[in-house]
Amino acid sequence: MGIYSQIKEQVSTREVAEHYGYKVSRNGMMRCPFHDDRNPSMKVDKNFICFGCQEKGDVIRFASKLFGLPAYEAAGKLIEDMGLLVDLENRPDAKPGIRQKAKRKRQDDVGFQQTLDRVYNVYCDYFHLLNEWADVYAPRAPNEDLHPLFVEAMHQRDYVEYLLDLLLFGSKEDKAQVIIEKGKGVIELEKRIREFKSGDRERTSRNDGSALPAEVGGGSEGASGSDGKRTGQEHGIKRGNDPVL
């Protein structure tokens, strides 16, 4: 969307006229600033039209005529004076280098968000599995051997919940640190979850408790809990089109 379209979506000619000190009646009439108007003859709303001098146009033309500026300079003045939010790349006064920098920043932001969503969704899937394993494989008798998946759930559940909290509520630096530290482990974990979902439960259950790669799991660190700890149900709200187990 062009710069002019962005401005016109955010502000009307009437709002601009009132901002610059012109008195507008309830029915949108004001004295025309473009001729000696003793009685209000200009109608302002989204656009403007003067029934006296026949001047008319949109908010960009209004500002351009009002301040004697070219349209692109008038647009820049409206952005600054009215505190408008516009795409930096499309600003009329943006130099080519600034536009390229803005474009790269948007691309970097999109790439970071996509990676963040993927990591969050993998850990969310894993958290659901840990809750399932804690219930399904819980010992039913005091002398029953502990199932490896139950042991894994007990060791990893708090730590994974802590990571989910960081990915959801942490600063951008916290999120980036999780992505950097857990990147390789997330790929392995994603593969394992996919295999488990596809029905290869027997092969997964034969693991000796080291099924979670060292790059992903937290060992004793996982038993420390987390700040701002949330319930598993709250972590059920996932990003994007994340499938629900």
C-alpha atoms as a PDB file:
ATOM      1  CA  MET A   1       0.000   0.000   0.000  1.00  0.00           C
ATOM      2  CA  GLY A   2       1.349   3.420  -0.994  1.00  0.00           C
ATOM      3  CA  ILE A   3       2.184   6.189   1.434  1.00  0.00           C
ATOM      4  CA  TYR A   4      -0.804   8.329   0.453  1.00  0.00           C
ATOM      5  CA  SER A   5      -3.239   5.444   0.888  1.00  0.00           C
ATOM      6  CA  GLN A   6      -1.815   4.694   4.341  1.00  0.00           C
ATOM      7  CA  ILE A   7      -2.281   8.329   5.395  1.00  0.00           C
ATOM      8  CA  LYS A   8      -5.837   8.555   4.074  1.00  0.00           C
ATOM      9  CA  GLU A   9      -6.773   5.370   5.914  1.00  0.00           C
ATOM     10  CA  GLN A  10      -5.621   6.820   9.232  1.00  0.00           C
ATOM     11  CA  VAL A  11      -6.770  10.436   9.159  1.00  0.00           C
ATOM     12  CA  SER A  12      -9.575  12.487   7.584  1.00  0.00           C
ATOM     13  CA  THR A  13      -9.482  16.023   6.251  1.00  0.00           C
ATOM     14  CA  ARG A  14     -11.741  17.116   9.097  1.00  0.00           C
ATOM     15  CA  GLU A  15      -9.325  15.746  11.716  1.00  0.00           C
ATOM     16  CA  VAL A  16      -6.418  17.505  10.020  1.00  0.00           C
ATOM     17  CA  ALA A  17      -8.305  20.821   9.817  1.00  0.00           C
ATOM     18  CA  GLU A  18      -9.202  20.653  13.511  1.00  0.00           C
ATOM     19  CA  HIS A  19      -5.619  19.677  14.385  1.00  0.00           C
ATOM     20  CA  TYR A  20      -4.343  22.845  12.699  1.00  0.00           C
ATOM     21  CA  GLY A  21      -6.803  25.029  14.594  1.00  0.00           C
ATOM     22  CA  TYR A  22      -9.754  25.396  12.244  1.00  0.00           C
ATOM     23  CA  LYS A  23     -13.184  25.380  13.820  1.00  0.00           C
ATOM     24  CA  VAL A  24     -15.493  22.837  12.211  1.00  0.00           C
ATOM     25  CA  SER A  25     -19.240  22.848  12.918  1.00  0.00           C
ATOM     26  CA  ARG A  26     -21.189  19.741  13.848  1.00  0.00           C
ATOM     27  CA  ASN A  27     -22.322  19.335  10.257  1.00  0.00           C
ATOM     28  CA  GLY A  28     -18.749  19.559   8.973  1.00  0.00           C
ATOM     29  CA  MET A  29     -18.695  23.141   7.683  1.00  0.00           C
ATOM     30  CA  MET A  30     -15.758  25.539   8.128  1.00  0.00           C
ATOM     31  CA  ARG A  31     -14.393  28.731   6.643  1.00  0.00           C
ATOM     32  CA  CYS A  32     -12.346  27.953   3.565  1.00  0.00           C
ATOM     33  CA  PRO A  33      -8.652  28.777   4.105  1.00  0.00           C
ATOM     34  CA  PHE A  34      -8.111  29.113   0.347  1.00  0.00           C
ATOM     35  CA  HIS A  35     -10.162  32.263  -0.237  1.00  0.00           C
ATOM     36  CA  ASP A  36     -11.604  35.168   1.758  1.00  0.00           C
ATOM     37  CA  ASP A  37     -14.464  33.210   3.265  1.00  0.00           C
ATOM     38  CA  ARG A  38     -16.652  35.177   5.680  1.00  0.00           C
ATOM     39  CA  ASN A  39     -19.301  32.493   5.996  1.00  0.00           C
ATOM     40  CA  PRO A  40     -18.350  28.789   6.274  1.00  0.00           C
ATOM     41  CA  SER A  41     -18.511  27.408   2.761  1.00  0.00           C
ATOM     42  CA  MET A  42     -16.149  24.427   2.956  1.00  0.00           C
ATOM     43  CA  LYS A  43     -17.438  20.953   3.782  1.00  0.00           C
ATOM     44  CA  VAL A  44     -14.861  18.663   5.391  1.00  0.00           C
ATOM     45  CA  ASP A  45     -15.120  14.987   6.245  1.00  0.00           C
ATOM     46  CA  LYS A  46     -12.878  12.346   4.735  1.00  0.00           C
ATOM     47  CA  ASN A  47     -12.201  14.720   1.822  1.00  0.00           C
ATOM     48  CA  PHE A  48     -13.093  18.393   1.334  1.00  0.00           C
ATOM     49  CA  ILE A  49     -14.998  20.625  -1.060  1.00  0.00           C
ATOM     50  CA  CYS A  50     -15.526  24.396  -1.006  1.00  0.00           C
ATOM     51  CA  PHE A  51     -18.823  25.608  -2.416  1.00  0.00           C
ATOM     52  CA  GLY A  52     -17.362  29.120  -2.741  1.00  0.00           C
ATOM     53  CA  CYS A  53     -14.054  28.719  -4.623  1.00  0.00           C
ATOM     54  CA  GLN A  54     -14.784  25.166  -5.846  1.00  0.00           C
ATOM     55  CA  GLU A  55     -11.509  23.841  -4.416  1.00  0.00           C
ATOM     56  CA  LYS A  56     -11.758  20.129  -3.545  1.00  0.00           C
ATOM     57  CA  GLY A  57      -9.656  17.041  -2.952  1.00  0.00           C
ATOM     58  CA  ASP A  58      -8.411  14.589  -0.371  1.00  0.00           C
ATOM     59  CA  VAL A  59      -6.474  15.118   2.861  1.00  0.00           C
ATOM     60  CA  ILE A  60      -3.110  15.160   1.039  1.00  0.00           C
ATOM     61  CA  ARG A  61      -4.267  17.959  -1.278  1.00  0.00           C
ATOM     62  CA  PHE A  62      -5.729  19.845   1.674  1.00  0.00           C
ATOM     63  CA  ALA A  63      -2.381  19.842   3.504  1.00  0.00           C
ATOM     64  CA  SER A  64      -0.516  20.603   0.296  1.00  0.00           C
ATOM     65  CA  LYS A  65      -2.687  23.672  -0.410  1.00  0.00           C
ATOM     66  CA  LEU A  66      -2.734  24.746   3.233  1.00  0.00           C
ATOM     67  CA  PHE A  67       1.057  24.879   3.605  1.00  0.00           C
ATOM     68  CA  GLY A  68       2.058  25.484  -0.008  1.00  0.00           C
ATOM     69  CA  LEU A  69       3.984  22.228  -0.216  1.00  0.00           C
ATOM     70  CA  PRO A  70       4.369  19.570  -2.891  1.00  0.00           C
ATOM     71  CA  ALA A  71       2.188  16.538  -2.221  1.00  0.00           C
ATOM     72  CA  TYR A  72       5.036  14.320  -1.003  1.00  0.00           C
ATOM     73  CA  GLU A  73       6.283  16.969   1.452  1.00  0.00           C
ATOM     74  CA  ALA A  74       2.739  17.525   2.683  1.00  0.00           C
ATOM     75  CA  ALA A  75       2.463  13.788   3.271  1.00  0.00           C
ATOM     76  CA  GLY A  76       5.661  13.821   5.312  1.00  0.00           C
ATOM     77  CA  LYS A  77       4.356  16.747   7.384  1.00  0.00           C
ATOM     78  CA  LEU A  78       1.095  14.903   8.099  1.00  0.00           C
ATOM     79  CA  ILE A  79       3.012  11.814   9.207  1.00  0.00           C
ATOM     80  CA  GLU A  80       5.104  13.838  11.640  1.00  0.00           C
ATOM     81  CA  ASP A  81       2.429  16.244  12.897  1.00  0.00           C
ATOM     82  CA  MET A  82      -0.366  13.673  13.263  1.00  0.00           C
ATOM     83  CA  GLY A  83       1.864  10.872  14.588  1.00  0.00           C
ATOM     84  CA  LEU A  84       0.814   8.469  11.833  1.00  0.00           C
ATOM     85  CA  LEU A  85       2.187   4.952  11.468  1.00  0.00           C
ATOM     86  CA  VAL A  86       3.348   4.164   7.950  1.00  0.00           C
ATOM     87  CA  ASP A  87       5.535   1.615   6.225  1.00  0.00           C
ATOM     88  CA  LEU A  88       9.003   3.155   6.262  1.00  0.00           C
ATOM     89  CA  GLU A  89       9.875   1.642   2.889  1.00  0.00           C
ATOM     90  CA  ASN A  90       7.067   3.594   1.213  1.00  0.00           C
ATOM     91  CA  ARG A  91       7.722   6.967   2.828  1.00  0.00           C
ATOM     92  CA  PRO A  92       8.182   9.596   0.100  1.00  0.00           C
ATOM     93  CA  ASP A  93      11.322  10.979   1.754  1.00  0.00           C
ATOM     94  CA  ALA A  94      12.935   7.593   2.359  1.00  0.00           C
ATOM     95  CA  LYS A  95      16.304   7.204   0.674  1.00  0.00           C
ATOM     96  CA  PRO A  96      17.081   3.947  -1.211  1.00  0.00           C
ATOM     97  CA  GLY A  97      19.464   2.790   1.527  1.00  0.00           C
ATOM     98  CA  ILE A  98      16.808   3.295   4.199  1.00  0.00           C
ATOM     99  CA  ARG A  99      14.272   1.403   2.134  1.00  0.00           C
ATOM    100  CA  GLN A 100      16.644  -1.540   1.685  1.00  0.00           C
ATOM    101  CA  LYS A 101      17.421  -1.550   5.404  1.00  0.00           C
ATOM    102  CA  ALA A 102      13.706  -1.534   6.245  1.00  0.00           C
ATOM    103  CA  LYS A 103      13.109  -4.376   3.807  1.00  0.00           C
ATOM    104  CA  ARG A 104      15.920  -6.476   5.317  1.00  0.00           C
ATOM    105  CA  LYS A 105      14.594  -5.806   8.823  1.00  0.00           C
ATOM    106  CA  ARG A 106      11.134  -7.012   7.850  1.00  0.00           C
ATOM    107  CA  GLN A 107      12.608 -10.141   6.287  1.00  0.00           C
ATOM    108  CA  ASP A 108      14.697 -10.812   9.405  1.00  0.00           C
ATOM    109  CA  ASP A 109      11.654 -10.293  11.645  1.00  0.00           C
ATOM    110  CA  VAL A 110       9.580 -12.702   9.547  1.00  0.00           C
ATOM    111  CA  GLY A 111      12.346 -15.327   9.611  1.00  0.00           C
ATOM    112  CA  PHE A 112      12.773 -15.010  13.379  1.00  0.00           C
ATOM    113  CA  GLN A 113       9.019 -15.317  13.969  1.00  0.00           C
ATOM    114  CA  GLN A 114       8.773 -18.405  11.760  1.00  0.00           C
ATOM    115  CA  THR A 115      11.635 -20.076  13.643  1.00  0.00           C
ATOM    116  CA  LEU A 116      10.126 -19.070  16.980  1.00  0.00           C
ATOM    117  CA  ASP A 117       6.746 -20.521  16.000  1.00  0.00           C
ATOM    118  CA  ARG A 118       8.341 -23.794  14.939  1.00  0.00           C
ATOM    119  CA  VAL A 119      10.343 -24.189  18.155  1.00  0.00           C
ATOM    120  CA  TYR A 120       7.338 -23.277  20.287  1.00  0.00           C
ATOM    121  CA  ASN A 121       5.072 -25.735  18.479  1.00  0.00           C
ATOM    122  CA  VAL A 122       7.571 -28.587  18.819  1.00  0.00           C
ATOM    123  CA  TYR A 123       7.928 -28.003  22.553  1.00  0.00           C
ATOM    124  CA  CYS A 124       4.169 -27.648  22.897  1.00  0.00           C
ATOM    125  CA  ASP A 125       3.677 -31.025  21.207  1.00  0.00           C
ATOM    126  CA  TYR A 126       6.330 -32.517  23.453  1.00  0.00           C
ATOM    127  CA  PHE A 127       4.691 -31.025  26.551  1.00  0.00           C
ATOM    128  CA  HIS A 128       1.396 -32.670  25.582  1.00  0.00           C
ATOM    129  CA  LEU A 129       3.190 -35.993  25.183  1.00  0.00           C
ATOM    130  CA  LEU A 130       4.900 -35.648  28.550  1.00  0.00           C
ATOM    131  CA  ASN A 131       1.534 -35.076  30.218  1.00  0.00           C
ATOM    132  CA  GLU A 132       0.132 -38.095  28.406  1.00  0.00           C
ATOM    133  CA  TRP A 133       3.061 -40.298  29.398  1.00  0.00           C
ATOM    134  CA  ALA A 134       2.850 -39.169  33.015  1.00  0.00           C
ATOM    135  CA  ASP A 135      -0.732 -40.425  33.101  1.00  0.00           C
ATOM    136  CA  VAL A 136      -0.620 -43.496  30.837  1.00  0.00           C
ATOM    137  CA  TYR A 137       2.646 -44.949  32.149  1.00  0.00           C
ATOM    138  CA  ALA A 138       2.269 -44.048  35.824  1.00  0.00           C
ATOM    139  CA  PRO A 139       2.979 -47.093  38.051  1.00  0.00           C
ATOM    140  CA  ARG A 140      -0.156 -48.819  39.305  1.00  0.00           C
ATOM    141  CA  ALA A 141       1.572 -50.652  42.136  1.00  0.00           C
ATOM    142  CA  PRO A 142       4.355 -49.703  44.592  1.00  0.00           C
ATOM    143  CA  ASN A 143       6.694 -52.467  43.370  1.00  0.00           C
ATOM    144  CA  GLU A 144       6.080 -51.901  39.649  1.00  0.00           C
ATOM    145  CA  ASP A 145       9.098 -50.957  37.563  1.00  0.00           C
ATOM    146  CA  LEU A 146       8.984 -47.381  36.307  1.00  0.00           C
ATOM    147  CA  HIS A 147       8.375 -47.079  32.592  1.00  0.00           C
ATOM    148  CA  PRO A 148      11.102 -45.076  30.760  1.00  0.00           C
ATOM    149  CA  LEU A 149       8.518 -42.685  29.330  1.00  0.00           C
ATOM    150  CA  PHE A 150       7.076 -42.020  32.801  1.00  0.00           C
ATOM    151  CA  VAL A 151      10.591 -41.291  34.066  1.00  0.00           C
ATOM    152  CA  GLU A 152      11.204 -38.961  31.131  1.00  0.00           C
ATOM    153  CA  ALA A 153       7.954 -37.133  31.827  1.00  0.00           C
ATOM    154  CA  MET A 154       8.909 -36.621  35.468  1.00  0.00           C
ATOM    155  CA  HIS A 155      12.374 -35.341  34.544  1.00  0.00           C
ATOM    156  CA  GLN A 156      11.461 -33.074  31.649  1.00  0.00           C
ATOM    157  CA  ARG A 157       7.953 -31.697  32.188  1.00  0.00           C
ATOM    158  CA  ASP A 158       8.851 -28.744  34.428  1.00  0.00           C
ATOM    159  CA  TYR A 159      11.818 -27.804  32.263  1.00  0.00           C
ATOM    160  CA  VAL A 160       9.808 -27.891  29.039  1.00  0.00           C
ATOM    161  CA  GLU A 161       7.112 -25.751  30.670  1.00  0.00           C
ATOM    162  CA  TYR A 162       9.826 -23.271  31.642  1.00  0.00           C
ATOM    163  CA  LEU A 163      11.015 -23.126  28.010  1.00  0.00           C
ATOM    164  CA  LEU A 164       7.455 -22.577  26.804  1.00  0.00           C
ATOM    165  CA  ASP A 165       7.098 -19.670  29.226  1.00  0.00           C
ATOM    166  CA  LEU A 166      10.287 -18.102  27.861  1.00  0.00           C
ATOM    167  CA  LEU A 167       9.183 -18.570  24.259  1.00  0.00           C
ATOM    168  CA  LEU A 168       5.772 -17.076  24.978  1.00  0.00           C
ATOM    169  CA  PHE A 169       6.479 -14.336  27.522  1.00  0.00           C
ATOM    170  CA  GLY A 170      10.244 -13.762  27.469  1.00  0.00           C
ATOM    171  CA  SER A 171      12.085 -10.877  25.878  1.00  0.00           C
ATOM    172  CA  LYS A 172      13.284 -11.160  22.303  1.00  0.00           C
ATOM    173  CA  GLU A 173      16.775 -11.857  23.654  1.00  0.00           C
ATOM    174  CA  ASP A 174      15.440 -14.700  25.841  1.00  0.00           C
ATOM    175  CA  LYS A 175      13.612 -16.224  22.887  1.00  0.00           C
ATOM    176  CA  ALA A 176      16.664 -15.942  20.647  1.00  0.00           C
ATOM    177  CA  GLN A 177      18.816 -17.632  23.289  1.00  0.00           C
ATOM    178  CA  VAL A 178      16.438 -20.587  23.494  1.00  0.00           C
ATOM    179  CA  ILE A 179      16.429 -20.907  19.707  1.00  0.00           C
ATOM    180  CA  ILE A 180      20.236 -20.811  19.543  1.00  0.00           C
ATOM    181  CA  GLU A 181      20.799 -23.276  22.394  1.00  0.00           C
ATOM    182  CA  LYS A 182      18.052 -25.742  21.481  1.00  0.00           C
ATOM    183  CA  GLY A 183      18.037 -25.545  17.683  1.00  0.00           C
ATOM    184  CA  LYS A 184      19.678 -28.886  16.888  1.00  0.00           C
ATOM    185  CA  GLY A 185      17.841 -30.694  19.648  1.00  0.00           C
ATOM    186  CA  VAL A 186      14.513 -29.336  18.415  1.00  0.00           C
ATOM    187  CA  ILE A 187      15.087 -30.907  14.993  1.00  0.00           C
ATOM    188  CA  GLU A 188      15.711 -34.319  16.587  1.00  0.00           C
ATOM    189  CA  LEU A 189      12.790 -33.880  18.958  1.00  0.00           C
ATOM    190  CA  GLU A 190      10.479 -32.929  16.087  1.00  0.00           C
ATOM    191  CA  LYS A 191      11.468 -36.121  14.244  1.00  0.00           C
ATOM    192  CA  ARG A 192      10.856 -38.228  17.321  1.00  0.00           C
ATOM    193  CA  ILE A 193       7.415 -36.702  17.918  1.00  0.00           C
ATOM    194  CA  ARG A 194       6.511 -37.290  14.270  1.00  0.00           C
ATOM    195  CA  GLU A 195       7.508 -40.955  14.567  1.00  0.00           C
ATOM    196  CA  PHE A 196       5.545 -41.332  17.782  1.00  0.00           C
ATOM    197  CA  LYS A 197       2.449 -39.788  16.228  1.00  0.00           C
ATOM    198  CA  SER A 198       2.740 -42.042  13.188  1.00  0.00           C
ATOM    199  CA  GLY A 199       2.323 -45.082  15.430  1.00  0.00           C
ATOM    200  CA  ASP A 200       5.908 -46.146  16.184  1.00  0.00           C
ATOM    201  CA  ARG A 201       5.219 -46.203  19.924  1.00  0.00           C
ATOM    202  CA  GLU A 202       6.962 -49.517  20.483  1.00  0.00           C
ATOM    203  CA  ARG A 203      10.313 -48.290  19.186  1.00  0.00           C
ATOM    204  CA  THR A 204      10.016 -45.063  21.200  1.00  0.00           C
ATOM    205  CA  SER A 205       9.081 -46.887  24.409  1.00  0.00           C
ATOM    206  CA  ARG A 206      12.152 -49.134  24.183  1.00  0.00           C
ATOM    207  CA  ASN A 207      14.343 -46.074  24.802  1.00  0.00           C
ATOM    208  CA  ASP A 208      16.248 -46.298  28.070  1.00  0.00           C
ATOM    209  CA  GLY A 209      15.245 -42.839  29.227  1.00  0.00           C
ATOM    210  CA  SER A 210      17.726 -40.962  27.040  1.00  0.00           C
ATOM    211  CA  ALA A 211      15.192 -40.424  24.259  1.00  0.00           C
ATOM    212  CA  LEU A 212      15.392 -36.672  24.634  1.00  0.00           C
ATOM    213  CA  PRO A 213      18.631 -35.411  23.009  1.00  0.00           C
ATOM    214  CA  ALA A 214      21.102 -33.752  25.367  1.00  0.00           C
ATOM    215  CA  GLU A 215      20.883 -30.512  23.374  1.00  0.00           C
ATOM    216  CA  VAL A 216      17.160 -30.322  24.155  1.00  0.00           C
ATOM    217  CA  GLY A 217      16.753 -31.733  27.640  1.00  0.00           C
ATOM    218  CA  GLY A 218      17.771 -30.081  30.847  1.00  0.00           C
ATOM    219  CA  GLY A 219      18.750 -32.847  33.297  1.00  0.00           C
ATOM    220  CA  SER A 220      18.701 -31.542  36.842  1.00  0.00           C
ATOM    221  CA  GLU A 221      18.071 -28.075  35.428  1.00  0.00           C
ATOM    222  CA  GLY A 222      14.605 -29.235  34.428  1.00  0.00           C
ATOM    223  CA  ALA A 223      13.595 -29.875  38.032  1.00  0.00           C
ATOM    224  CA  SER A 224      13.998 -26.252  38.970  1.00  0.00           C
ATOM    225  CA  GLY A 225      10.553 -25.169  37.795  1.00  0.00           C
ATOM    226  CA  SER A 226       9.986 -21.737  36.261  1.00  0.00           C
ATOM    227  CA  ASP A 227       9.057 -18.159  36.984  1.00  0.00           C
ATOM    228  CA  GLY A 228       5.498 -17.290  36.066  1.00  0.00           C
ATOM    229  CA  LYS A 229       4.682 -20.995  35.837  1.00  0.00           C
ATOM    230  CA  ARG A 230       1.508 -21.891  33.955  1.00  0.00           C
ATOM    231  CA  THR A 231      -0.610 -24.999  33.725  1.00  0.00           C
ATOM    232  CA  GLY A 232      -0.479 -27.495  30.881  1.00  0.00           C
ATOM    233  CA  GLN A 233      -3.939 -26.386  29.792  1.00  0.00           C
ATOM    234  CA  GLU A 234      -2.681 -22.848  29.231  1.00  0.00           C
ATOM    235  CA  HIS A 235       0.105 -24.178  27.055  1.00  0.00           C
ATOM    236  CA  GLY A 236      -2.546 -25.891  24.960  1.00  0.00           C
ATOM    237  CA  ILE A 237      -3.017 -22.591  23.114  1.00  0.00           C
ATOM    238  CA  LYS A 238      -0.534 -22.944  20.293  1.00  0.00           C
ATOM    239  CA  ARG A 239       0.856 -20.763  17.563  1.00  0.00           C
ATOM    240  CA  GLY A 240      -0.065 -20.841  13.906  1.00  0.00           C
ATOM    241  CA  ASN A 241      -1.722 -23.993  12.557  1.00  0.00           C
ATOM    242  CA  ASP A 242      -0.170 -26.221  15.189  1.00  0.00           C
ATOM    243  CA  PRO A 243      -1.876 -29.651  15.277  1.00  0.00           C
ATOM    244  CA  VAL A 244      -3.362 -30.737  18.592  1.00  0.00           C
ATOM    245  CA  LEU A 245      -2.368 -34.128  19.904  1.00  0.00           C
END
